[in-house]
Amino acid sequence: MLNYKKYKIRKMPTSVALIFFRMKGCVFMNKIYLRKPYYESLATGIPNTKTLGYLEHEITHLESEHFKADKFAILYWLNSKIRLKEELKAVVSEMRVYKKHKEKFDIHDRAKSWSSINYFWMTDYQSAKKTLEKAWIHV
């Protein structure tokens, strides 16, 4: 187990990584779980921008008042508007890391992800792309 800021970071179990093969990680029981490459990047003591960005993304979820509510997990997956709002907040945190390190954020890839089964098609690709482009400009 590793620490980042005040959070416990664990390596995502292989069985979970196989089932959710597109996930970089997740939040569960107030802990952040990362796929092996991100976990190993953090373990070096000099994590890359992708790892730092993703950690900030997950921390945003952990610190969200909505994520602390018992019923919110159900609402998150059932209501695409709630899911989009929460993911946008988390992605903005992630984008700040990319801008700080003067690296480009992959808007196309995230828009594809948001408009796929990964997020239960919470929006269409064009809307996701437009939303992410606007967010990138304003970060």
Protein backbone atom coordinates (compact mmCIF):
# COMPACT_ATOMS: atom_id res chain seq x y z
CA MET A 1 0.00 0.00 0.00
CA LEU A 2 1.21 3.50 -0.84
CA ASN A 3 0.21 6.93 0.37
CA TYR A 4 -0.52 10.01 -1.72
CA LYS A 5 -1.37 13.16 0.17
CA LYS A 6 -3.66 11.84 2.93
CA TYR A 7 -5.01 8.90 0.92
CA LYS A 8 -4.26 5.19 0.89
CA ILE A 9 -3.45 3.85 -2.55
CA ARG A 10 -3.61 0.15 -3.34
CA LYS A 11 -2.88 -1.89 -6.43
CA MET A 12 -6.05 -2.97 -8.21
CA PRO A 13 -6.54 -6.73 -7.87
CA THR A 14 -5.88 -8.59 -11.11
CA SER A 15 -9.38 -10.07 -11.15
CA VAL A 16 -10.93 -6.57 -11.08
CA ALA A 17 -8.48 -5.31 -13.70
CA LEU A 18 -9.45 -8.16 -16.03
CA ILE A 19 -13.17 -7.52 -15.69
CA PHE A 20 -12.91 -3.73 -15.97
CA PHE A 21 -10.09 -3.70 -18.50
CA ARG A 22 -10.48 -0.03 -19.48
CA MET A 23 -10.43 1.33 -15.93
CA LYS A 24 -7.26 3.04 -14.76
CA GLY A 25 -8.45 2.60 -11.22
CA CYS A 26 -11.37 3.24 -8.92
CA VAL A 27 -12.47 4.40 -5.49
CA PHE A 28 -13.81 1.85 -3.04
CA MET A 29 -14.24 2.14 0.74
CA ASN A 30 -12.30 5.45 0.88
CA LYS A 31 -9.28 3.96 -0.83
CA ILE A 32 -7.97 4.50 -4.31
CA TYR A 33 -7.15 1.40 -6.35
CA LEU A 34 -4.83 1.79 -9.34
CA ARG A 35 -3.95 -0.53 -12.19
CA LYS A 36 -0.42 -1.89 -12.04
CA PRO A 37 1.29 0.69 -14.35
CA TYR A 38 -0.14 3.66 -12.41
CA TYR A 39 0.61 2.04 -9.06
CA GLU A 40 4.18 1.32 -10.13
CA SER A 41 4.59 4.88 -11.39
CA LEU A 42 3.50 6.19 -7.97
CA ALA A 43 5.82 3.72 -6.22
CA THR A 44 8.85 5.22 -7.99
CA GLY A 45 8.45 8.41 -5.95
CA ILE A 46 8.43 10.41 -9.19
CA PRO A 47 5.04 9.57 -10.71
CA ASN A 48 4.33 10.58 -14.30
CA THR A 49 1.72 13.16 -15.28
CA LYS A 50 -0.89 10.52 -16.18
CA THR A 51 -0.61 8.98 -12.73
CA LEU A 52 -0.74 12.33 -10.93
CA GLY A 53 -3.69 13.43 -13.03
CA TYR A 54 -5.57 10.25 -12.41
CA LEU A 55 -4.93 10.42 -8.68
CA GLU A 56 -6.34 13.95 -8.59
CA HIS A 57 -9.34 12.70 -10.56
CA GLU A 58 -10.05 9.99 -7.98
CA ILE A 59 -9.40 12.34 -5.04
CA THR A 60 -12.04 14.68 -6.46
CA HIS A 61 -14.49 11.78 -6.31
CA LEU A 62 -13.46 10.89 -2.75
CA GLU A 63 -13.88 14.46 -1.56
CA SER A 64 -17.22 14.96 -3.27
CA GLU A 65 -20.08 15.28 -0.81
CA HIS A 66 -22.20 13.28 -3.24
CA PHE A 67 -19.82 10.31 -3.18
CA LYS A 68 -20.04 10.23 0.61
CA ALA A 69 -23.80 9.70 0.51
CA ASP A 70 -24.94 6.08 0.76
CA LYS A 71 -27.52 6.29 -2.02
CA PHE A 72 -25.28 8.28 -4.33
CA ALA A 73 -23.50 5.27 -5.83
CA ILE A 74 -26.83 4.00 -7.12
CA LEU A 75 -27.84 7.42 -8.43
CA TYR A 76 -24.43 7.85 -10.05
CA TRP A 77 -24.91 4.77 -12.21
CA LEU A 78 -28.63 5.28 -12.87
CA ASN A 79 -28.62 8.99 -13.73
CA SER A 80 -26.42 10.06 -16.64
CA LYS A 81 -26.70 13.78 -15.75
CA ILE A 82 -25.34 13.17 -12.25
CA ARG A 83 -22.61 10.93 -13.66
CA LEU A 84 -21.60 13.57 -16.23
CA LYS A 85 -21.52 16.34 -13.62
CA GLU A 86 -19.34 14.31 -11.24
CA GLU A 87 -17.01 13.09 -13.97
CA LEU A 88 -16.57 16.60 -15.33
CA LYS A 89 -15.50 17.85 -11.89
CA ALA A 90 -13.00 15.01 -11.61
CA VAL A 91 -11.67 15.53 -15.14
CA VAL A 92 -11.16 19.24 -14.51
CA SER A 93 -8.93 18.29 -11.55
CA GLU A 94 -7.06 15.92 -13.84
CA MET A 95 -6.72 18.58 -16.55
CA ARG A 96 -5.16 21.01 -14.07
CA VAL A 97 -2.31 18.53 -13.53
CA TYR A 98 -1.75 18.22 -17.28
CA LYS A 99 -1.70 22.00 -17.73
CA LYS A 100 0.68 22.41 -14.77
CA HIS A 101 3.08 19.94 -16.41
CA LYS A 102 2.53 21.52 -19.85
CA GLU A 103 1.20 18.29 -21.31
CA LYS A 104 -1.76 17.73 -23.59
CA PHE A 105 -4.90 16.07 -22.25
CA ASP A 106 -6.38 13.47 -24.62
CA ILE A 107 -9.87 14.90 -25.16
CA HIS A 108 -10.69 12.46 -27.98
CA ASP A 109 -9.97 9.40 -25.84
CA ARG A 110 -11.97 10.71 -22.87
CA ALA A 111 -14.91 11.68 -25.10
CA LYS A 112 -14.87 8.15 -26.55
CA SER A 113 -14.86 6.72 -23.04
CA TRP A 114 -17.70 8.93 -21.83
CA SER A 115 -19.83 7.93 -24.80
CA SER A 116 -19.23 4.20 -24.34
CA ILE A 117 -20.20 1.36 -22.04
CA ASN A 118 -17.43 2.46 -19.62
CA TYR A 119 -19.75 5.22 -18.41
CA PHE A 120 -22.99 3.62 -19.56
CA TRP A 121 -23.20 6.03 -22.49
CA MET A 122 -23.71 9.05 -20.26
CA THR A 123 -23.47 11.32 -23.30
CA ASP A 124 -22.77 11.15 -27.00
CA TYR A 125 -19.26 11.61 -28.41
CA GLN A 126 -19.81 15.07 -29.93
CA SER A 127 -21.33 16.50 -26.73
CA ALA A 128 -18.56 14.97 -24.63
CA LYS A 129 -15.88 16.37 -26.93
CA LYS A 130 -17.42 19.85 -26.86
CA THR A 131 -17.75 19.78 -23.05
CA LEU A 132 -14.16 18.60 -22.60
CA GLU A 133 -12.75 21.15 -25.06
CA LYS A 134 -14.54 23.94 -23.20
CA ALA A 135 -13.25 22.65 -19.86
CA TRP A 136 -9.67 22.46 -21.20
CA ILE A 137 -9.82 26.10 -22.32
CA HIS A 138 -11.08 27.27 -18.93
CA VAL A 139 -8.69 25.25 -16.76
